Amino acid sequence: MKKGNYGEMKMDQHFENDGYKRISQDRVTDLNAKTHQGIDGVYYKEGGDPEYIIAEAKYGKSRLGMTTDGPQMSKGWIEGSKRLENAVGKEKADEILSSGYGSRLIRIKPDGTLTETVL
């Protein structure tokens, strides 16, 4: 739980340092916070390339999982089971789907460094 929360907090910091603003709900601000299901983070940057990023944080050697909507972070997973809508609300989800988004995997190593992979 703490590793996952640490990863999400590092991911938020990474995108904010790049000029993006977190627009998804359920921001993790404490290592001991209750974990949540769904999209880890949705970010927006006016004029960004892309403007919207949907991201998943994984600590260490954790892997993306398989779900009934398809592989985690696939288009089917992001858009299925109202994940995007649950993360940002229906109106914003519709806007993101109509304008497009990029998806990223943020991998956090035990030493705190991270890598970003475009999915």
N, C-alpha and C. Protein backbone atom coordinates (compact mmCIF):
# COMPACT_ATOMS: atom_id res chain seq x y z
N MET A 1 0.83 -1.18 0.00
CA MET A 1 0.00 0.00 0.00
C MET A 1 0.88 1.26 0.00
N LYS A 2 1.88 1.30 0.89
CA LYS A 2 2.73 2.49 0.98
C LYS A 2 3.53 2.69 -0.30
N LYS A 3 3.99 1.61 -0.91
CA LYS A 3 4.76 1.72 -2.15
C LYS A 3 3.90 2.28 -3.28
N GLY A 4 2.66 1.80 -3.36
CA GLY A 4 1.74 2.30 -4.38
C GLY A 4 1.42 3.77 -4.17
N ASN A 5 1.18 4.17 -2.93
CA ASN A 5 0.90 5.57 -2.63
C ASN A 5 2.11 6.45 -2.93
N TYR A 6 3.28 5.96 -2.57
CA TYR A 6 4.52 6.69 -2.87
C TYR A 6 4.65 6.89 -4.38
N GLY A 7 4.37 5.84 -5.14
CA GLY A 7 4.45 5.93 -6.59
C GLY A 7 3.50 6.96 -7.16
N GLU A 8 2.28 6.99 -6.66
CA GLU A 8 1.31 7.97 -7.15
C GLU A 8 1.74 9.40 -6.80
N MET A 9 2.27 9.60 -5.61
CA MET A 9 2.72 10.93 -5.23
C MET A 9 3.91 11.38 -6.09
N LYS A 10 4.84 10.46 -6.37
CA LYS A 10 5.98 10.77 -7.24
C LYS A 10 5.49 11.09 -8.66
N MET A 11 4.48 10.35 -9.13
CA MET A 11 3.94 10.58 -10.46
C MET A 11 3.32 11.98 -10.54
N ASP A 12 2.53 12.37 -9.53
CA ASP A 12 1.95 13.71 -9.51
C ASP A 12 3.04 14.77 -9.60
N GLN A 13 4.08 14.60 -8.81
CA GLN A 13 5.19 15.55 -8.80
C GLN A 13 5.86 15.62 -10.18
N HIS A 14 6.04 14.47 -10.81
CA HIS A 14 6.66 14.40 -12.13
C HIS A 14 5.87 15.22 -13.15
N PHE A 15 4.56 15.00 -13.22
CA PHE A 15 3.77 15.72 -14.22
C PHE A 15 3.63 17.20 -13.88
N GLU A 16 3.52 17.53 -12.60
CA GLU A 16 3.44 18.94 -12.21
C GLU A 16 4.74 19.67 -12.54
N ASN A 17 5.86 19.00 -12.38
CA ASN A 17 7.15 19.61 -12.76
C ASN A 17 7.23 19.86 -14.26
N ASP A 18 6.43 19.10 -15.03
CA ASP A 18 6.39 19.27 -16.49
C ASP A 18 5.28 20.23 -16.92
N GLY A 19 4.63 20.89 -15.96
CA GLY A 19 3.62 21.89 -16.28
C GLY A 19 2.19 21.39 -16.36
N TYR A 20 1.97 20.11 -16.07
CA TYR A 20 0.62 19.55 -16.09
C TYR A 20 -0.05 19.75 -14.74
N LYS A 21 -1.37 19.84 -14.77
CA LYS A 21 -2.17 19.95 -13.55
C LYS A 21 -2.98 18.68 -13.39
N ARG A 22 -2.98 18.12 -12.21
CA ARG A 22 -3.79 16.93 -11.94
C ARG A 22 -5.26 17.35 -11.92
N ILE A 23 -6.09 16.68 -12.71
CA ILE A 23 -7.51 17.01 -12.74
C ILE A 23 -8.37 15.86 -12.24
N SER A 24 -7.75 14.72 -11.95
CA SER A 24 -8.52 13.59 -11.43
C SER A 24 -8.69 13.71 -9.92
N GLN A 25 -9.73 13.07 -9.44
CA GLN A 25 -10.04 13.08 -8.02
C GLN A 25 -9.19 12.03 -7.31
N ASP A 26 -9.37 11.91 -6.00
CA ASP A 26 -8.69 10.89 -5.19
C ASP A 26 -7.18 11.03 -5.20
N ARG A 27 -6.69 12.24 -5.11
CA ARG A 27 -5.24 12.47 -5.05
C ARG A 27 -4.69 11.87 -3.76
N VAL A 28 -3.60 11.14 -3.88
CA VAL A 28 -2.94 10.55 -2.71
C VAL A 28 -1.96 11.57 -2.14
N THR A 29 -2.10 11.86 -0.84
CA THR A 29 -1.22 12.82 -0.20
C THR A 29 -0.55 12.25 1.05
N ASP A 30 -0.79 10.97 1.32
CA ASP A 30 -0.27 10.35 2.54
C ASP A 30 0.09 8.90 2.23
N LEU A 31 1.26 8.46 2.67
CA LEU A 31 1.68 7.08 2.42
C LEU A 31 0.70 6.07 3.01
N ASN A 32 0.02 6.44 4.08
CA ASN A 32 -0.90 5.52 4.76
C ASN A 32 -2.35 5.67 4.30
N ALA A 33 -2.59 6.46 3.27
CA ALA A 33 -3.95 6.67 2.77
C ALA A 33 -4.53 5.37 2.22
N LYS A 34 -5.85 5.27 2.28
CA LYS A 34 -6.55 4.12 1.71
C LYS A 34 -6.31 4.09 0.21
N THR A 35 -6.05 2.90 -0.32
CA THR A 35 -5.85 2.78 -1.76
C THR A 35 -7.19 2.83 -2.48
N HIS A 36 -7.15 3.14 -3.77
CA HIS A 36 -8.37 3.19 -4.57
C HIS A 36 -8.16 2.39 -5.86
N GLN A 37 -9.24 2.05 -6.48
CA GLN A 37 -9.21 1.31 -7.74
C GLN A 37 -9.39 2.30 -8.89
N GLY A 38 -8.91 1.93 -10.06
CA GLY A 38 -9.14 2.74 -11.24
C GLY A 38 -7.89 3.46 -11.71
N ILE A 39 -8.12 4.54 -12.43
CA ILE A 39 -7.04 5.33 -13.02
C ILE A 39 -6.27 6.04 -11.91
N ASP A 40 -4.95 5.97 -11.96
CA ASP A 40 -4.14 6.60 -10.92
C ASP A 40 -4.08 8.12 -11.07
N GLY A 41 -4.02 8.63 -12.29
CA GLY A 41 -3.95 10.07 -12.46
C GLY A 41 -4.32 10.53 -13.85
N VAL A 42 -5.04 11.65 -13.91
CA VAL A 42 -5.37 12.30 -15.18
C VAL A 42 -4.86 13.73 -15.06
N TYR A 43 -4.13 14.17 -16.09
CA TYR A 43 -3.45 15.46 -16.05
C TYR A 43 -3.79 16.28 -17.30
N TYR A 44 -3.73 17.61 -17.13
CA TYR A 44 -4.04 18.52 -18.23
C TYR A 44 -2.99 19.63 -18.29
N LYS A 45 -2.60 19.97 -19.53
CA LYS A 45 -1.71 21.11 -19.77
C LYS A 45 -2.16 21.77 -21.06
N GLU A 46 -2.64 22.99 -20.95
CA GLU A 46 -3.06 23.72 -22.15
C GLU A 46 -1.87 23.84 -23.09
N GLY A 47 -2.08 23.41 -24.32
CA GLY A 47 -1.03 23.44 -25.31
C GLY A 47 -0.03 22.30 -25.18
N GLY A 48 -0.27 21.39 -24.23
CA GLY A 48 0.62 20.25 -24.05
C GLY A 48 0.51 19.28 -25.22
N ASP A 49 1.48 18.43 -25.34
CA ASP A 49 1.47 17.43 -26.41
C ASP A 49 1.68 16.06 -25.79
N PRO A 50 0.56 15.42 -25.41
CA PRO A 50 -0.85 15.79 -25.58
C PRO A 50 -1.33 16.71 -24.44
N GLU A 51 -2.50 17.32 -24.65
CA GLU A 51 -3.05 18.17 -23.60
C GLU A 51 -3.50 17.36 -22.40
N TYR A 52 -4.06 16.17 -22.65
CA TYR A 52 -4.53 15.29 -21.57
C TYR A 52 -3.65 14.05 -21.51
N ILE A 53 -3.25 13.68 -20.30
CA ILE A 53 -2.49 12.45 -20.08
C ILE A 53 -3.21 11.63 -19.03
N ILE A 54 -3.38 10.35 -19.33
CA ILE A 54 -3.92 9.39 -18.37
C ILE A 54 -2.75 8.49 -17.99
N ALA A 55 -2.48 8.39 -16.68
CA ALA A 55 -1.25 7.72 -16.26
C ALA A 55 -1.49 6.70 -15.16
N GLU A 56 -0.62 5.72 -15.13
CA GLU A 56 -0.61 4.66 -14.12
C GLU A 56 0.78 4.62 -13.51
N ALA A 57 0.83 4.57 -12.18
CA ALA A 57 2.11 4.47 -11.48
C ALA A 57 2.31 3.03 -11.01
N LYS A 58 3.50 2.52 -11.23
CA LYS A 58 3.87 1.18 -10.76
C LYS A 58 5.20 1.27 -10.03
N TYR A 59 5.25 0.70 -8.85
CA TYR A 59 6.46 0.72 -8.05
C TYR A 59 7.25 -0.57 -8.27
N GLY A 60 8.55 -0.43 -8.41
CA GLY A 60 9.41 -1.60 -8.55
C GLY A 60 9.07 -2.43 -9.77
N LYS A 61 8.86 -3.72 -9.54
CA LYS A 61 8.60 -4.64 -10.65
C LYS A 61 7.12 -4.96 -10.83
N SER A 62 6.23 -4.18 -10.19
CA SER A 62 4.79 -4.38 -10.37
C SER A 62 4.44 -4.28 -11.84
N ARG A 63 3.45 -5.07 -12.24
CA ARG A 63 3.06 -5.11 -13.65
C ARG A 63 1.64 -4.62 -13.84
N LEU A 64 1.36 -4.21 -15.07
CA LEU A 64 -0.02 -3.88 -15.41
C LEU A 64 -0.83 -5.16 -15.40
N GLY A 65 -2.05 -5.08 -14.89
CA GLY A 65 -2.89 -6.26 -14.75
C GLY A 65 -3.82 -6.48 -15.94
N MET A 66 -4.45 -7.64 -15.93
CA MET A 66 -5.47 -7.98 -16.93
C MET A 66 -6.83 -7.87 -16.25
N THR A 67 -7.78 -7.25 -16.92
CA THR A 67 -9.13 -7.07 -16.36
C THR A 67 -10.17 -7.55 -17.36
N THR A 68 -11.41 -7.53 -16.95
CA THR A 68 -12.48 -7.92 -17.87
C THR A 68 -12.64 -6.91 -19.01
N ASP A 69 -12.12 -5.68 -18.83
CA ASP A 69 -12.16 -4.67 -19.89
C ASP A 69 -10.91 -4.70 -20.77
N GLY A 70 -10.01 -5.63 -20.48
CA GLY A 70 -8.76 -5.72 -21.24
C GLY A 70 -7.57 -5.38 -20.36
N PRO A 71 -6.40 -5.33 -20.95
CA PRO A 71 -5.20 -5.02 -20.17
C PRO A 71 -5.29 -3.63 -19.54
N GLN A 72 -4.79 -3.52 -18.31
CA GLN A 72 -4.75 -2.23 -17.63
C GLN A 72 -4.05 -1.21 -18.51
N MET A 73 -4.61 -0.03 -18.61
CA MET A 73 -4.13 1.11 -19.39
C MET A 73 -4.39 0.99 -20.89
N SER A 74 -5.05 -0.07 -21.34
CA SER A 74 -5.47 -0.14 -22.74
C SER A 74 -6.66 0.80 -22.93
N LYS A 75 -6.99 1.09 -24.16
CA LYS A 75 -8.15 1.96 -24.45
C LYS A 75 -9.42 1.36 -23.85
N GLY A 76 -9.59 0.03 -23.98
CA GLY A 76 -10.76 -0.63 -23.41
C GLY A 76 -10.83 -0.49 -21.90
N TRP A 77 -9.69 -0.56 -21.23
CA TRP A 77 -9.65 -0.44 -19.78
C TRP A 77 -9.93 1.00 -19.36
N ILE A 78 -9.27 1.97 -20.01
CA ILE A 78 -9.46 3.38 -19.66
C ILE A 78 -10.90 3.81 -19.85
N GLU A 79 -11.48 3.42 -20.98
CA GLU A 79 -12.82 3.88 -21.33
C GLU A 79 -13.92 2.95 -20.80
N GLY A 80 -13.54 1.76 -20.34
CA GLY A 80 -14.52 0.79 -19.84
C GLY A 80 -14.85 1.00 -18.38
N SER A 81 -15.97 0.41 -17.96
CA SER A 81 -16.40 0.42 -16.56
C SER A 81 -16.40 1.83 -15.94
N LYS A 82 -16.61 2.85 -16.76
CA LYS A 82 -16.69 4.25 -16.32
C LYS A 82 -15.45 4.71 -15.56
N ARG A 83 -14.29 4.11 -15.86
CA ARG A 83 -13.07 4.50 -15.13
C ARG A 83 -12.73 5.97 -15.31
N LEU A 84 -12.74 6.43 -16.56
CA LEU A 84 -12.41 7.83 -16.81
C LEU A 84 -13.46 8.75 -16.20
N GLU A 85 -14.71 8.39 -16.37
CA GLU A 85 -15.79 9.19 -15.78
C GLU A 85 -15.67 9.25 -14.26
N ASN A 86 -15.34 8.13 -13.63
CA ASN A 86 -15.17 8.10 -12.18
C ASN A 86 -13.99 8.95 -11.73
N ALA A 87 -12.99 9.08 -12.57
CA ALA A 87 -11.79 9.84 -12.22
C ALA A 87 -11.98 11.34 -12.34
N VAL A 88 -12.74 11.78 -13.35
CA VAL A 88 -12.84 13.23 -13.62
C VAL A 88 -14.27 13.76 -13.74
N GLY A 89 -15.27 12.90 -13.69
CA GLY A 89 -16.65 13.33 -13.90
C GLY A 89 -17.06 13.16 -15.35
N LYS A 90 -18.35 13.04 -15.58
CA LYS A 90 -18.87 12.75 -16.92
C LYS A 90 -18.54 13.83 -17.94
N GLU A 91 -18.77 15.08 -17.59
CA GLU A 91 -18.55 16.18 -18.54
C GLU A 91 -17.08 16.24 -18.98
N LYS A 92 -16.16 16.18 -18.04
CA LYS A 92 -14.74 16.24 -18.37
C LYS A 92 -14.30 14.99 -19.13
N ALA A 93 -14.85 13.81 -18.76
CA ALA A 93 -14.52 12.57 -19.47
C ALA A 93 -14.93 12.68 -20.92
N ASP A 94 -16.13 13.20 -21.17
CA ASP A 94 -16.60 13.37 -22.55
C ASP A 94 -15.67 14.31 -23.33
N GLU A 95 -15.22 15.39 -22.68
CA GLU A 95 -14.32 16.34 -23.31
C GLU A 95 -12.98 15.66 -23.66
N ILE A 96 -12.45 14.87 -22.73
CA ILE A 96 -11.18 14.18 -22.96
C ILE A 96 -11.32 13.18 -24.11
N LEU A 97 -12.42 12.43 -24.12
CA LEU A 97 -12.62 11.44 -25.17
C LEU A 97 -12.77 12.09 -26.54
N SER A 98 -13.40 13.26 -26.59
CA SER A 98 -13.59 13.92 -27.88
C SER A 98 -12.31 14.60 -28.37
N SER A 99 -11.47 15.07 -27.45
CA SER A 99 -10.25 15.76 -27.89
C SER A 99 -9.04 14.84 -27.97
N GLY A 100 -9.10 13.70 -27.30
CA GLY A 100 -8.00 12.74 -27.34
C GLY A 100 -7.09 12.85 -26.12
N TYR A 101 -6.31 11.82 -25.90
CA TYR A 101 -5.42 11.77 -24.74
C TYR A 101 -4.23 10.87 -25.03
N GLY A 102 -3.21 11.04 -24.23
CA GLY A 102 -2.06 10.15 -24.26
C GLY A 102 -2.09 9.31 -23.00
N SER A 103 -1.53 8.13 -23.06
CA SER A 103 -1.46 7.28 -21.86
C SER A 103 0.00 6.98 -21.55
N ARG A 104 0.31 6.97 -20.26
CA ARG A 104 1.68 6.80 -19.80
C ARG A 104 1.76 5.82 -18.64
N LEU A 105 2.84 5.07 -18.62
CA LEU A 105 3.18 4.23 -17.48
C LEU A 105 4.37 4.89 -16.81
N ILE A 106 4.23 5.17 -15.53
CA ILE A 106 5.31 5.74 -14.74
C ILE A 106 5.79 4.66 -13.80
N ARG A 107 7.04 4.27 -13.97
CA ARG A 107 7.64 3.22 -13.14
C ARG A 107 8.60 3.88 -12.15
N ILE A 108 8.35 3.63 -10.86
CA ILE A 108 9.17 4.20 -9.80
C ILE A 108 10.09 3.12 -9.26
N LYS A 109 11.38 3.39 -9.28
CA LYS A 109 12.36 2.44 -8.78
C LYS A 109 12.52 2.63 -7.27
N PRO A 110 13.02 1.61 -6.56
CA PRO A 110 13.20 1.73 -5.11
C PRO A 110 14.07 2.92 -4.68
N ASP A 111 14.97 3.38 -5.55
CA ASP A 111 15.80 4.54 -5.18
C ASP A 111 15.10 5.88 -5.44
N GLY A 112 13.83 5.82 -5.90
CA GLY A 112 13.03 7.03 -6.11
C GLY A 112 13.07 7.59 -7.51
N THR A 113 13.96 7.08 -8.36
CA THR A 113 13.98 7.56 -9.74
C THR A 113 12.79 6.98 -10.49
N LEU A 114 12.42 7.63 -11.56
CA LEU A 114 11.28 7.12 -12.33
C LEU A 114 11.57 7.17 -13.81
N THR A 115 10.84 6.32 -14.52
CA THR A 115 10.88 6.31 -15.98
C THR A 115 9.46 6.45 -16.48
N GLU A 116 9.32 7.11 -17.61
CA GLU A 116 8.01 7.32 -18.24
C GLU A 116 7.98 6.59 -19.56
N THR A 117 6.97 5.75 -19.74
CA THR A 117 6.79 5.00 -20.99
C THR A 117 5.49 5.43 -21.64
N VAL A 118 5.57 5.81 -22.91
CA VAL A 118 4.36 6.14 -23.68
C VAL A 118 3.71 4.82 -24.07
N LEU A 119 2.45 4.68 -23.74
CA LEU A 119 1.71 3.44 -24.08
C LEU A 119 0.90 3.63 -25.34
